[in-house]
N, C-alpha and C. Protein backbone atom coordinates (compact mmCIF):
# COMPACT_ATOMS: atom_id res chain seq x y z
N MET A 1 58.67 23.72 91.26
CA MET A 1 57.85 24.88 90.92
C MET A 1 56.63 24.91 91.84
N LYS A 2 56.52 25.98 92.61
CA LYS A 2 55.42 26.10 93.57
C LYS A 2 54.30 26.96 92.99
N ILE A 3 53.08 26.51 93.20
CA ILE A 3 51.90 27.20 92.66
C ILE A 3 50.95 27.55 93.79
N SER A 4 50.54 28.80 93.83
CA SER A 4 49.56 29.26 94.82
C SER A 4 48.28 29.68 94.10
N ALA A 5 47.14 29.32 94.69
CA ALA A 5 45.85 29.78 94.20
C ALA A 5 45.42 30.98 95.03
N LEU A 6 45.02 32.04 94.35
CA LEU A 6 44.58 33.26 95.00
C LEU A 6 43.12 33.51 94.66
N ILE A 7 42.27 33.55 95.70
CA ILE A 7 40.83 33.69 95.50
C ILE A 7 40.33 34.92 96.24
N PRO A 8 40.01 36.02 95.52
CA PRO A 8 39.36 37.15 96.18
C PRO A 8 37.86 36.87 96.32
N VAL A 9 37.31 37.13 97.49
CA VAL A 9 35.89 36.83 97.68
C VAL A 9 35.16 38.02 98.30
N TYR A 10 33.92 38.18 97.88
CA TYR A 10 33.02 39.15 98.50
C TYR A 10 31.62 38.55 98.44
N ASN A 11 31.16 38.04 99.57
CA ASN A 11 29.83 37.44 99.69
C ASN A 11 29.62 36.30 98.68
N GLU A 12 30.46 35.29 98.79
CA GLU A 12 30.39 34.13 97.88
C GLU A 12 30.09 32.84 98.64
N GLU A 13 29.31 32.90 99.71
CA GLU A 13 29.10 31.72 100.55
C GLU A 13 28.42 30.57 99.80
N LYS A 14 27.70 30.84 98.75
CA LYS A 14 27.00 29.79 98.01
C LYS A 14 27.93 28.99 97.10
N THR A 15 29.07 29.55 96.75
CA THR A 15 29.93 28.89 95.76
C THR A 15 31.36 28.64 96.24
N ILE A 16 31.80 29.33 97.28
CA ILE A 16 33.22 29.28 97.65
C ILE A 16 33.67 27.87 98.04
N GLU A 17 32.81 27.11 98.71
CA GLU A 17 33.22 25.76 99.12
C GLU A 17 33.51 24.87 97.91
N GLY A 18 32.68 24.99 96.88
CA GLY A 18 32.89 24.17 95.68
C GLY A 18 34.19 24.52 94.99
N VAL A 19 34.52 25.80 94.92
CA VAL A 19 35.77 26.23 94.30
C VAL A 19 36.96 25.72 95.10
N LEU A 20 36.90 25.89 96.41
CA LEU A 20 38.02 25.47 97.26
C LEU A 20 38.21 23.96 97.26
N ARG A 21 37.13 23.22 97.21
CA ARG A 21 37.23 21.76 97.23
C ARG A 21 38.01 21.24 96.02
N VAL A 22 37.74 21.81 94.86
CA VAL A 22 38.47 21.39 93.65
C VAL A 22 39.95 21.72 93.78
N LEU A 23 40.26 22.91 94.29
CA LEU A 23 41.65 23.32 94.46
C LEU A 23 42.38 22.45 95.48
N MET A 24 41.72 22.12 96.57
CA MET A 24 42.34 21.31 97.62
C MET A 24 42.66 19.90 97.13
N ASP A 25 41.87 19.40 96.19
CA ASP A 25 42.07 18.04 95.69
C ASP A 25 43.03 17.98 94.51
N ASN A 26 43.48 19.15 94.03
CA ASN A 26 44.34 19.16 92.86
C ASN A 26 45.81 19.10 93.28
N PRO A 27 46.57 18.14 92.78
CA PRO A 27 47.96 17.96 93.22
C PRO A 27 48.91 19.07 92.76
N LEU A 28 48.50 19.87 91.79
CA LEU A 28 49.36 20.95 91.31
C LEU A 28 49.40 22.15 92.26
N ILE A 29 48.37 22.27 93.08
CA ILE A 29 48.23 23.45 93.93
C ILE A 29 48.91 23.22 95.28
N ASP A 30 49.90 24.05 95.58
CA ASP A 30 50.65 23.92 96.83
C ASP A 30 50.08 24.77 97.96
N GLU A 31 49.39 25.82 97.62
CA GLU A 31 48.91 26.76 98.62
C GLU A 31 47.63 27.43 98.12
N ILE A 32 46.70 27.67 99.02
CA ILE A 32 45.47 28.38 98.68
C ILE A 32 45.35 29.58 99.62
N LEU A 33 45.16 30.76 99.03
CA LEU A 33 44.98 31.97 99.82
C LEU A 33 43.66 32.63 99.42
N VAL A 34 42.78 32.78 100.38
CA VAL A 34 41.52 33.49 100.17
C VAL A 34 41.66 34.87 100.79
N VAL A 35 41.37 35.90 100.01
CA VAL A 35 41.35 37.26 100.55
C VAL A 35 39.90 37.71 100.60
N ASP A 36 39.38 37.84 101.80
CA ASP A 36 37.99 38.23 102.00
C ASP A 36 37.87 39.75 102.00
N ASP A 37 37.16 40.26 101.01
CA ASP A 37 37.05 41.70 100.82
C ASP A 37 35.84 42.27 101.56
N GLY A 38 35.83 42.06 102.88
CA GLY A 38 34.77 42.64 103.70
C GLY A 38 33.42 41.99 103.53
N SER A 39 33.39 40.68 103.31
CA SER A 39 32.11 39.98 103.15
C SER A 39 31.23 40.15 104.39
N THR A 40 29.92 40.23 104.14
CA THR A 40 28.96 40.30 105.24
C THR A 40 28.23 38.97 105.42
N ASP A 41 28.62 37.96 104.65
CA ASP A 41 28.04 36.62 104.81
C ASP A 41 29.09 35.70 105.42
N ASN A 42 28.94 34.39 105.21
CA ASN A 42 29.83 33.41 105.84
C ASN A 42 30.99 32.96 104.95
N SER A 43 31.32 33.73 103.92
CA SER A 43 32.39 33.32 103.00
C SER A 43 33.69 33.01 103.72
N ALA A 44 34.15 33.93 104.56
CA ALA A 44 35.43 33.74 105.25
C ALA A 44 35.37 32.59 106.24
N THR A 45 34.26 32.48 106.94
CA THR A 45 34.10 31.40 107.92
C THR A 45 34.16 30.04 107.25
N LEU A 46 33.46 29.90 106.13
CA LEU A 46 33.44 28.63 105.41
C LEU A 46 34.84 28.27 104.90
N ALA A 47 35.56 29.26 104.41
CA ALA A 47 36.92 29.00 103.90
C ALA A 47 37.84 28.57 105.03
N ARG A 48 37.74 29.22 106.19
CA ARG A 48 38.59 28.84 107.32
C ARG A 48 38.25 27.42 107.81
N ARG A 49 36.99 27.07 107.81
CA ARG A 49 36.58 25.72 108.22
C ARG A 49 37.20 24.66 107.32
N MET A 50 37.44 25.01 106.07
CA MET A 50 38.03 24.05 105.13
C MET A 50 39.54 23.97 105.29
N GLY A 51 40.10 24.83 106.13
CA GLY A 51 41.52 24.73 106.45
C GLY A 51 42.43 25.54 105.56
N VAL A 52 41.88 26.44 104.73
CA VAL A 52 42.74 27.25 103.88
C VAL A 52 43.06 28.57 104.59
N ARG A 53 44.13 29.20 104.15
CA ARG A 53 44.53 30.47 104.74
C ARG A 53 43.59 31.58 104.25
N VAL A 54 43.13 32.40 105.18
CA VAL A 54 42.22 33.49 104.86
C VAL A 54 42.77 34.80 105.42
N ILE A 55 42.81 35.82 104.57
CA ILE A 55 43.13 37.18 105.01
C ILE A 55 41.87 38.01 104.86
N SER A 56 41.44 38.68 105.92
CA SER A 56 40.25 39.52 105.86
C SER A 56 40.64 40.98 105.83
N LEU A 57 40.10 41.71 104.86
CA LEU A 57 40.39 43.13 104.74
C LEU A 57 39.57 43.99 105.70
N GLY A 58 38.58 43.40 106.33
CA GLY A 58 37.79 44.13 107.32
C GLY A 58 36.60 44.84 106.71
N GLU A 59 36.84 45.65 105.70
CA GLU A 59 35.75 46.33 105.01
C GLU A 59 35.96 46.19 103.51
N ASN A 60 34.89 46.34 102.77
CA ASN A 60 34.95 46.16 101.33
C ASN A 60 35.79 47.26 100.67
N GLN A 61 36.88 46.86 100.02
CA GLN A 61 37.78 47.81 99.37
C GLN A 61 37.86 47.64 97.87
N GLY A 62 37.23 46.59 97.35
CA GLY A 62 37.25 46.36 95.91
C GLY A 62 38.19 45.22 95.54
N LYS A 63 37.93 44.62 94.38
CA LYS A 63 38.70 43.46 93.95
C LYS A 63 40.17 43.79 93.76
N GLY A 64 40.46 45.00 93.30
CA GLY A 64 41.85 45.38 93.12
C GLY A 64 42.64 45.33 94.40
N ALA A 65 42.05 45.82 95.48
CA ALA A 65 42.72 45.80 96.78
C ALA A 65 42.91 44.38 97.28
N ALA A 66 41.91 43.52 97.05
CA ALA A 66 42.01 42.12 97.48
C ALA A 66 43.14 41.40 96.74
N LEU A 67 43.22 41.60 95.43
CA LEU A 67 44.28 40.95 94.66
C LEU A 67 45.65 41.51 95.03
N GLU A 68 45.72 42.82 95.23
CA GLU A 68 46.99 43.42 95.60
C GLU A 68 47.52 42.84 96.90
N ARG A 69 46.64 42.68 97.89
CA ARG A 69 47.07 42.11 99.16
C ARG A 69 47.53 40.67 98.99
N GLY A 70 46.80 39.91 98.21
CA GLY A 70 47.19 38.52 97.97
C GLY A 70 48.52 38.40 97.28
N ILE A 71 48.75 39.22 96.25
CA ILE A 71 50.01 39.19 95.52
C ILE A 71 51.18 39.54 96.44
N GLU A 72 50.96 40.48 97.34
CA GLU A 72 52.00 40.85 98.31
C GLU A 72 52.40 39.67 99.18
N GLU A 73 51.43 38.83 99.53
CA GLU A 73 51.66 37.74 100.47
C GLU A 73 52.30 36.52 99.82
N ILE A 74 52.07 36.33 98.53
CA ILE A 74 52.47 35.09 97.85
C ILE A 74 53.91 35.18 97.34
N GLU A 75 54.66 34.09 97.57
CA GLU A 75 56.05 34.01 97.10
C GLU A 75 56.27 32.82 96.17
N SER A 76 55.20 32.19 95.72
CA SER A 76 55.30 31.03 94.83
C SER A 76 55.79 31.45 93.44
N ASP A 77 56.09 30.47 92.61
CA ASP A 77 56.54 30.74 91.24
C ASP A 77 55.39 31.19 90.34
N ILE A 78 54.22 30.60 90.56
CA ILE A 78 53.05 30.89 89.73
C ILE A 78 51.85 31.16 90.64
N ILE A 79 51.05 32.15 90.24
CA ILE A 79 49.80 32.43 90.94
C ILE A 79 48.64 32.06 90.02
N LEU A 80 47.74 31.23 90.52
CA LEU A 80 46.50 30.91 89.82
C LEU A 80 45.40 31.75 90.44
N MET A 81 44.84 32.68 89.69
CA MET A 81 43.78 33.54 90.18
C MET A 81 42.43 33.01 89.71
N LEU A 82 41.53 32.82 90.65
CA LEU A 82 40.19 32.36 90.31
C LEU A 82 39.17 33.16 91.10
N ASP A 83 38.02 33.41 90.49
CA ASP A 83 36.94 34.07 91.20
C ASP A 83 36.26 33.09 92.16
N GLY A 84 35.70 33.62 93.22
CA GLY A 84 35.06 32.77 94.22
C GLY A 84 33.64 32.37 93.88
N ASP A 85 33.11 32.87 92.76
CA ASP A 85 31.72 32.57 92.40
C ASP A 85 31.60 31.62 91.21
N LEU A 86 32.67 30.87 90.95
CA LEU A 86 32.65 29.95 89.81
C LEU A 86 31.69 28.79 90.03
N VAL A 87 31.10 28.34 88.94
CA VAL A 87 30.20 27.19 88.95
C VAL A 87 30.69 26.21 87.89
N GLY A 88 31.02 24.98 88.32
CA GLY A 88 31.48 23.97 87.37
C GLY A 88 32.98 23.84 87.27
N LEU A 89 33.73 24.44 88.20
CA LEU A 89 35.19 24.33 88.16
C LEU A 89 35.63 22.88 88.28
N ALA A 90 36.60 22.49 87.44
CA ALA A 90 37.11 21.12 87.44
C ALA A 90 38.62 21.15 87.23
N ASP A 91 39.26 20.01 87.47
CA ASP A 91 40.71 19.91 87.31
C ASP A 91 41.16 20.31 85.90
N LYS A 92 40.35 20.01 84.90
CA LYS A 92 40.75 20.32 83.52
C LYS A 92 40.92 21.82 83.32
N HIS A 93 40.11 22.62 84.01
CA HIS A 93 40.23 24.06 83.88
C HIS A 93 41.52 24.57 84.51
N ILE A 94 41.87 24.01 85.64
CA ILE A 94 43.12 24.38 86.31
C ILE A 94 44.31 24.02 85.41
N GLN A 95 44.24 22.83 84.82
CA GLN A 95 45.31 22.37 83.93
C GLN A 95 45.44 23.28 82.71
N GLN A 96 44.29 23.66 82.13
CA GLN A 96 44.31 24.50 80.94
C GLN A 96 44.90 25.88 81.22
N LEU A 97 44.66 26.38 82.41
CA LEU A 97 45.23 27.68 82.78
C LEU A 97 46.73 27.58 83.08
N LEU A 98 47.13 26.51 83.74
CA LEU A 98 48.50 26.39 84.21
C LEU A 98 49.49 25.88 83.16
N ASP A 99 49.07 24.95 82.32
CA ASP A 99 50.01 24.29 81.40
C ASP A 99 50.86 25.25 80.57
N PRO A 100 50.26 26.24 79.89
CA PRO A 100 51.09 27.12 79.06
C PRO A 100 52.11 27.93 79.87
N VAL A 101 51.78 28.27 81.10
CA VAL A 101 52.70 29.02 81.96
C VAL A 101 53.80 28.09 82.48
N MET A 102 53.42 26.90 82.92
CA MET A 102 54.39 25.94 83.42
C MET A 102 55.37 25.51 82.32
N ASN A 103 54.88 25.44 81.08
CA ASN A 103 55.72 25.03 79.96
C ASN A 103 56.44 26.20 79.29
N ASP A 104 56.33 27.38 79.89
CA ASP A 104 56.99 28.60 79.41
C ASP A 104 56.56 28.97 77.99
N GLU A 105 55.31 28.67 77.64
CA GLU A 105 54.77 29.11 76.37
C GLU A 105 54.30 30.57 76.46
N CYS A 106 54.05 31.03 77.67
CA CYS A 106 53.64 32.40 77.90
C CYS A 106 53.90 32.73 79.37
N ASP A 107 53.68 34.00 79.73
CA ASP A 107 53.88 34.43 81.11
C ASP A 107 52.58 34.57 81.87
N MET A 108 51.47 34.65 81.12
CA MET A 108 50.16 34.67 81.76
C MET A 108 49.11 34.10 80.82
N THR A 109 48.21 33.30 81.36
CA THR A 109 47.05 32.85 80.61
C THR A 109 45.81 33.57 81.13
N ILE A 110 44.85 33.75 80.24
CA ILE A 110 43.55 34.31 80.60
C ILE A 110 42.49 33.32 80.15
N GLY A 111 41.67 32.86 81.07
CA GLY A 111 40.67 31.85 80.74
C GLY A 111 39.35 32.45 80.29
N VAL A 112 38.80 31.91 79.22
CA VAL A 112 37.55 32.41 78.65
C VAL A 112 36.50 31.31 78.69
N PHE A 113 35.34 31.61 79.28
CA PHE A 113 34.26 30.64 79.36
C PHE A 113 33.80 30.22 77.97
N ASN A 114 33.47 28.93 77.84
CA ASN A 114 33.00 28.40 76.56
C ASN A 114 32.02 27.27 76.84
N HIS A 115 30.78 27.42 76.34
CA HIS A 115 29.73 26.42 76.55
C HIS A 115 29.44 26.21 78.04
N GLY A 116 29.54 27.28 78.81
CA GLY A 116 29.16 27.19 80.21
C GLY A 116 27.72 27.62 80.42
N ARG A 117 27.43 28.84 79.98
CA ARG A 117 26.09 29.40 80.06
C ARG A 117 26.02 30.56 79.08
N GLY A 118 24.92 30.70 78.40
CA GLY A 118 24.82 31.68 77.32
C GLY A 118 25.23 33.09 77.71
N ALA A 119 24.70 33.58 78.83
CA ALA A 119 24.94 34.98 79.21
C ALA A 119 26.42 35.22 79.54
N THR A 120 27.04 34.30 80.27
CA THR A 120 28.44 34.51 80.64
C THR A 120 29.38 34.21 79.48
N ASP A 121 29.01 33.25 78.62
CA ASP A 121 29.80 33.00 77.41
C ASP A 121 29.84 34.25 76.54
N LEU A 122 28.68 34.88 76.36
CA LEU A 122 28.59 36.06 75.51
C LEU A 122 29.41 37.21 76.09
N ALA A 123 29.32 37.41 77.40
CA ALA A 123 30.05 38.49 78.04
C ALA A 123 31.56 38.33 77.84
N GLN A 124 32.05 37.10 77.95
CA GLN A 124 33.49 36.89 77.79
C GLN A 124 33.91 36.84 76.33
N LEU A 125 32.97 36.50 75.46
CA LEU A 125 33.28 36.56 74.03
C LEU A 125 33.49 38.02 73.61
N LEU A 126 32.68 38.92 74.17
CA LEU A 126 32.78 40.33 73.84
C LEU A 126 33.98 41.00 74.53
N ALA A 127 34.31 40.52 75.74
CA ALA A 127 35.41 41.16 76.49
C ALA A 127 36.22 40.10 77.24
N PRO A 128 36.95 39.24 76.51
CA PRO A 128 37.70 38.16 77.16
C PRO A 128 38.79 38.65 78.10
N HIS A 129 39.29 39.86 77.86
CA HIS A 129 40.37 40.40 78.68
C HIS A 129 39.93 40.72 80.10
N LEU A 130 38.61 40.69 80.36
CA LEU A 130 38.11 41.01 81.70
C LEU A 130 37.95 39.77 82.57
N SER A 131 38.27 38.62 82.06
CA SER A 131 38.12 37.39 82.83
C SER A 131 38.98 37.41 84.09
N GLY A 132 38.41 36.92 85.19
CA GLY A 132 39.16 36.83 86.44
C GLY A 132 39.94 35.54 86.58
N GLN A 133 39.80 34.63 85.62
CA GLN A 133 40.48 33.33 85.68
C GLN A 133 41.79 33.43 84.92
N ARG A 134 42.90 33.27 85.63
CA ARG A 134 44.20 33.41 84.97
C ARG A 134 45.30 32.76 85.79
N ALA A 135 46.38 32.42 85.12
CA ALA A 135 47.61 31.94 85.78
C ALA A 135 48.74 32.83 85.30
N VAL A 136 49.62 33.21 86.21
CA VAL A 136 50.67 34.16 85.86
C VAL A 136 51.94 33.87 86.67
N LYS A 137 53.07 34.06 86.03
CA LYS A 137 54.34 33.94 86.75
C LYS A 137 54.42 35.08 87.77
N THR A 138 54.67 34.72 89.00
CA THR A 138 54.60 35.69 90.08
C THR A 138 55.51 36.88 89.86
N ARG A 139 56.70 36.64 89.34
CA ARG A 139 57.66 37.74 89.19
C ARG A 139 57.17 38.81 88.21
N PHE A 140 56.22 38.44 87.34
CA PHE A 140 55.72 39.41 86.38
C PHE A 140 54.72 40.39 86.98
N ILE A 141 54.13 40.05 88.11
CA ILE A 141 53.13 40.96 88.67
C ILE A 141 53.51 41.51 90.04
N LYS A 142 54.68 41.10 90.55
CA LYS A 142 55.12 41.65 91.83
C LYS A 142 55.38 43.15 91.74
N GLY A 143 55.68 43.63 90.54
CA GLY A 143 56.02 45.04 90.40
C GLY A 143 54.85 45.95 90.10
N ILE A 144 53.64 45.39 89.99
CA ILE A 144 52.48 46.23 89.69
C ILE A 144 52.15 47.10 90.91
N GLU A 145 51.90 48.37 90.66
CA GLU A 145 51.56 49.29 91.73
C GLU A 145 50.11 49.76 91.59
N ASP A 146 49.53 50.13 92.72
CA ASP A 146 48.21 50.79 92.77
C ASP A 146 47.07 49.95 92.23
N LEU A 147 47.14 48.64 92.35
CA LEU A 147 46.00 47.83 91.96
C LEU A 147 44.77 48.15 92.80
N SER A 148 45.00 48.58 94.03
CA SER A 148 43.87 48.86 94.92
C SER A 148 42.99 49.99 94.42
N HIS A 149 43.52 50.82 93.51
CA HIS A 149 42.74 51.93 92.97
C HIS A 149 42.02 51.58 91.67
N CYS A 150 42.19 50.35 91.21
CA CYS A 150 41.62 49.96 89.92
C CYS A 150 40.18 49.48 90.02
N GLY A 151 39.76 49.04 91.22
CA GLY A 151 38.40 48.53 91.36
C GLY A 151 38.14 47.37 90.43
N TYR A 152 37.03 47.45 89.67
CA TYR A 152 36.67 46.40 88.74
C TYR A 152 37.58 46.37 87.51
N GLY A 153 38.43 47.38 87.37
CA GLY A 153 39.33 47.41 86.23
C GLY A 153 40.65 46.71 86.47
N VAL A 154 40.72 45.93 87.56
CA VAL A 154 42.00 45.33 87.95
C VAL A 154 42.53 44.36 86.90
N GLU A 155 41.65 43.57 86.28
CA GLU A 155 42.13 42.62 85.26
C GLU A 155 42.73 43.35 84.07
N LEU A 156 42.11 44.46 83.67
CA LEU A 156 42.64 45.24 82.56
C LEU A 156 44.01 45.80 82.89
N ALA A 157 44.19 46.26 84.13
CA ALA A 157 45.48 46.80 84.55
C ALA A 157 46.56 45.71 84.54
N ILE A 158 46.21 44.52 85.01
CA ILE A 158 47.16 43.41 85.00
C ILE A 158 47.52 43.03 83.57
N ASN A 159 46.51 42.98 82.69
CA ASN A 159 46.77 42.65 81.28
C ASN A 159 47.78 43.61 80.66
N GLU A 160 47.55 44.90 80.86
CA GLU A 160 48.42 45.90 80.26
C GLU A 160 49.85 45.77 80.78
N TYR A 161 49.97 45.50 82.07
CA TYR A 161 51.30 45.38 82.67
C TYR A 161 52.05 44.19 82.10
N VAL A 162 51.36 43.05 82.01
CA VAL A 162 52.01 41.84 81.50
C VAL A 162 52.33 41.99 80.01
N LYS A 163 51.44 42.62 79.24
CA LYS A 163 51.71 42.81 77.81
C LYS A 163 52.96 43.65 77.58
N GLU A 164 53.20 44.60 78.46
CA GLU A 164 54.38 45.45 78.33
C GLU A 164 55.66 44.71 78.70
N ASN A 165 55.53 43.69 79.55
CA ASN A 165 56.73 43.03 80.09
C ASN A 165 56.86 41.56 79.71
N GLY A 166 55.85 40.99 79.08
CA GLY A 166 55.91 39.56 78.78
C GLY A 166 54.88 39.13 77.74
N ARG A 167 54.46 37.87 77.83
CA ARG A 167 53.56 37.28 76.84
C ARG A 167 52.31 36.76 77.52
N LEU A 168 51.16 37.00 76.90
CA LEU A 168 49.93 36.44 77.45
C LEU A 168 49.21 35.61 76.40
N GLN A 169 48.41 34.69 76.86
CA GLN A 169 47.72 33.75 75.97
C GLN A 169 46.31 33.48 76.51
N TYR A 170 45.33 33.48 75.60
CA TYR A 170 43.96 33.16 75.99
C TYR A 170 43.73 31.66 75.86
N VAL A 171 43.03 31.07 76.82
CA VAL A 171 42.69 29.65 76.76
C VAL A 171 41.19 29.49 77.03
N GLU A 172 40.58 28.52 76.39
CA GLU A 172 39.15 28.28 76.60
C GLU A 172 38.93 27.40 77.83
N LEU A 173 37.88 27.71 78.57
CA LEU A 173 37.50 26.94 79.75
C LEU A 173 36.09 26.40 79.53
N PRO A 174 35.98 25.21 78.93
CA PRO A 174 34.66 24.68 78.57
C PRO A 174 33.83 24.32 79.80
N GLU A 175 32.52 24.56 79.68
CA GLU A 175 31.54 24.15 80.70
C GLU A 175 31.80 24.79 82.06
N LEU A 176 32.36 26.00 82.04
CA LEU A 176 32.57 26.74 83.28
C LEU A 176 31.82 28.06 83.19
N THR A 177 31.23 28.50 84.30
CA THR A 177 30.50 29.75 84.33
C THR A 177 30.63 30.35 85.73
N HIS A 178 29.94 31.46 85.95
CA HIS A 178 29.94 32.05 87.29
C HIS A 178 28.58 32.70 87.55
N VAL A 179 28.35 33.06 88.79
CA VAL A 179 27.11 33.71 89.17
C VAL A 179 27.22 35.19 88.82
N MET A 180 26.26 35.69 88.08
CA MET A 180 26.31 37.08 87.64
C MET A 180 25.92 38.03 88.78
N LYS A 181 26.36 39.27 88.66
CA LYS A 181 26.11 40.26 89.71
C LYS A 181 24.63 40.42 90.02
N GLU A 182 23.80 40.44 88.97
CA GLU A 182 22.36 40.61 89.17
C GLU A 182 21.75 39.42 89.91
N GLU A 183 22.35 38.23 89.75
CA GLU A 183 21.85 37.04 90.44
C GLU A 183 22.25 37.04 91.91
N LYS A 184 23.44 37.55 92.19
CA LYS A 184 23.95 37.54 93.57
C LYS A 184 23.32 38.63 94.43
N ARG A 185 23.12 39.80 93.84
CA ARG A 185 22.77 40.98 94.65
C ARG A 185 21.41 41.56 94.33
N GLY A 186 20.66 40.87 93.47
CA GLY A 186 19.39 41.43 93.04
C GLY A 186 19.61 42.33 91.84
N PHE A 187 18.53 42.51 91.06
CA PHE A 187 18.70 43.21 89.78
C PHE A 187 19.20 44.64 89.96
N PHE A 188 18.58 45.41 90.87
CA PHE A 188 18.93 46.82 91.00
C PHE A 188 20.36 47.00 91.50
N ARG A 189 20.72 46.30 92.60
CA ARG A 189 22.08 46.42 93.14
C ARG A 189 23.10 45.86 92.15
N GLY A 190 22.74 44.75 91.51
CA GLY A 190 23.65 44.18 90.51
C GLY A 190 23.87 45.10 89.33
N PHE A 191 22.79 45.80 88.93
CA PHE A 191 22.88 46.75 87.83
C PHE A 191 23.80 47.92 88.20
N LEU A 192 23.67 48.42 89.43
CA LEU A 192 24.54 49.50 89.89
C LEU A 192 26.01 49.05 89.94
N ASP A 193 26.24 47.81 90.41
CA ASP A 193 27.60 47.27 90.44
C ASP A 193 28.18 47.16 89.04
N ARG A 194 27.32 46.78 88.09
CA ARG A 194 27.79 46.65 86.71
C ARG A 194 28.14 48.02 86.13
N LEU A 195 27.36 49.04 86.47
CA LEU A 195 27.69 50.39 86.03
C LEU A 195 29.03 50.84 86.60
N LYS A 196 29.26 50.51 87.88
CA LYS A 196 30.54 50.86 88.50
C LYS A 196 31.69 50.13 87.82
N MET A 197 31.45 48.88 87.44
CA MET A 197 32.47 48.11 86.74
C MET A 197 32.86 48.81 85.44
N TYR A 198 31.87 49.24 84.67
CA TYR A 198 32.17 49.91 83.41
C TYR A 198 32.89 51.23 83.65
N THR A 199 32.52 51.94 84.71
CA THR A 199 33.20 53.20 85.05
C THR A 199 34.67 52.94 85.38
N ASP A 200 34.92 51.90 86.20
CA ASP A 200 36.30 51.56 86.56
C ASP A 200 37.11 51.16 85.34
N LEU A 201 36.48 50.42 84.42
CA LEU A 201 37.18 50.00 83.21
C LEU A 201 37.58 51.20 82.35
N LEU A 202 36.67 52.15 82.23
CA LEU A 202 36.97 53.35 81.47
C LEU A 202 38.10 54.14 82.12
N LYS A 203 38.09 54.18 83.45
CA LYS A 203 39.13 54.92 84.17
C LYS A 203 40.50 54.28 83.94
N VAL A 204 40.57 52.95 84.06
CA VAL A 204 41.84 52.26 83.85
C VAL A 204 42.29 52.38 82.40
N SER A 205 41.35 52.28 81.46
CA SER A 205 41.70 52.41 80.05
C SER A 205 42.26 53.80 79.75
N PHE A 206 41.65 54.82 80.34
CA PHE A 206 42.12 56.19 80.15
C PHE A 206 43.52 56.36 80.72
N GLU A 207 43.77 55.80 81.91
CA GLU A 207 45.10 55.89 82.53
C GLU A 207 46.15 55.19 81.67
N ASN A 208 45.79 54.04 81.10
CA ASN A 208 46.74 53.32 80.25
C ASN A 208 47.09 54.14 79.00
N LEU A 209 46.08 54.78 78.39
CA LEU A 209 46.34 55.60 77.22
C LEU A 209 47.21 56.81 77.56
N LYS A 210 46.94 57.40 78.71
CA LYS A 210 47.68 58.59 79.14
C LYS A 210 49.15 58.28 79.40
N ASN A 211 49.41 57.04 79.88
CA ASN A 211 50.79 56.66 80.26
C ASN A 211 51.60 56.14 79.09
N ARG A 212 51.01 55.97 77.94
CA ARG A 212 51.74 55.43 76.78
C ARG A 212 52.62 56.49 76.13
C-alpha cells in the first residue's frame, strides 16, 4: 500500500520545513508532493532544497486548484493531505489520520485539532468539516471535478463527494495547531481572506444543495 503526502502551500516559509521534516522521517510515507500556489516567499525553494517534489502553479489560483493539481499527479493508494502552516506536527498525528483508512474502517479521515491552541481548537470545534488535515483513499477523490473553482470551500466539496460515495470519520489531533490567516498576513489582509473563505464556503454549500 503506497501513501503520498500532498501539501498545498502559499507563503508558508516559516513552517513548511518543519512539516516536511516530520513527513520525510515517517516510514509510512512513500512520496511527498508540494504544490506551490504562487508563493511570493521562499516556500517552494525551501521544499526543493529538502529534496521533495514541488509543482509550482506560477500564480496564486487558490487552495482548490492546488489540491486538484496534486490529486491529478498522485497514483498512490492513499493521499495524506496536510496544510503547510502546521505547528506541532508529529508522527502520532500522521498515524491517527492514516490508521482508520489503512484498516478499511473508513474511506477518509478528517483531523480535528484538540488542545493545540485555544483559537484554532475553537474554530475546528465549531466547523470540524473544514479541516485541511485528512487521509483519503485515492480512488475516492480521483473523480472529483472542478475543485479549482471551490477556493476555500475545497474541503467542504471533498467531504460532500466522499459522503455520497463512501465513509468518513473524524479523528482528534492532540497538541496540533496552525498559523492563523491574521497572523500570517496581518490583521486587515487576514480578515479579508477570512471573509473570502466564508464566501467560498457559502458558494460551495449552495451548489451542493442545488445538486441534491
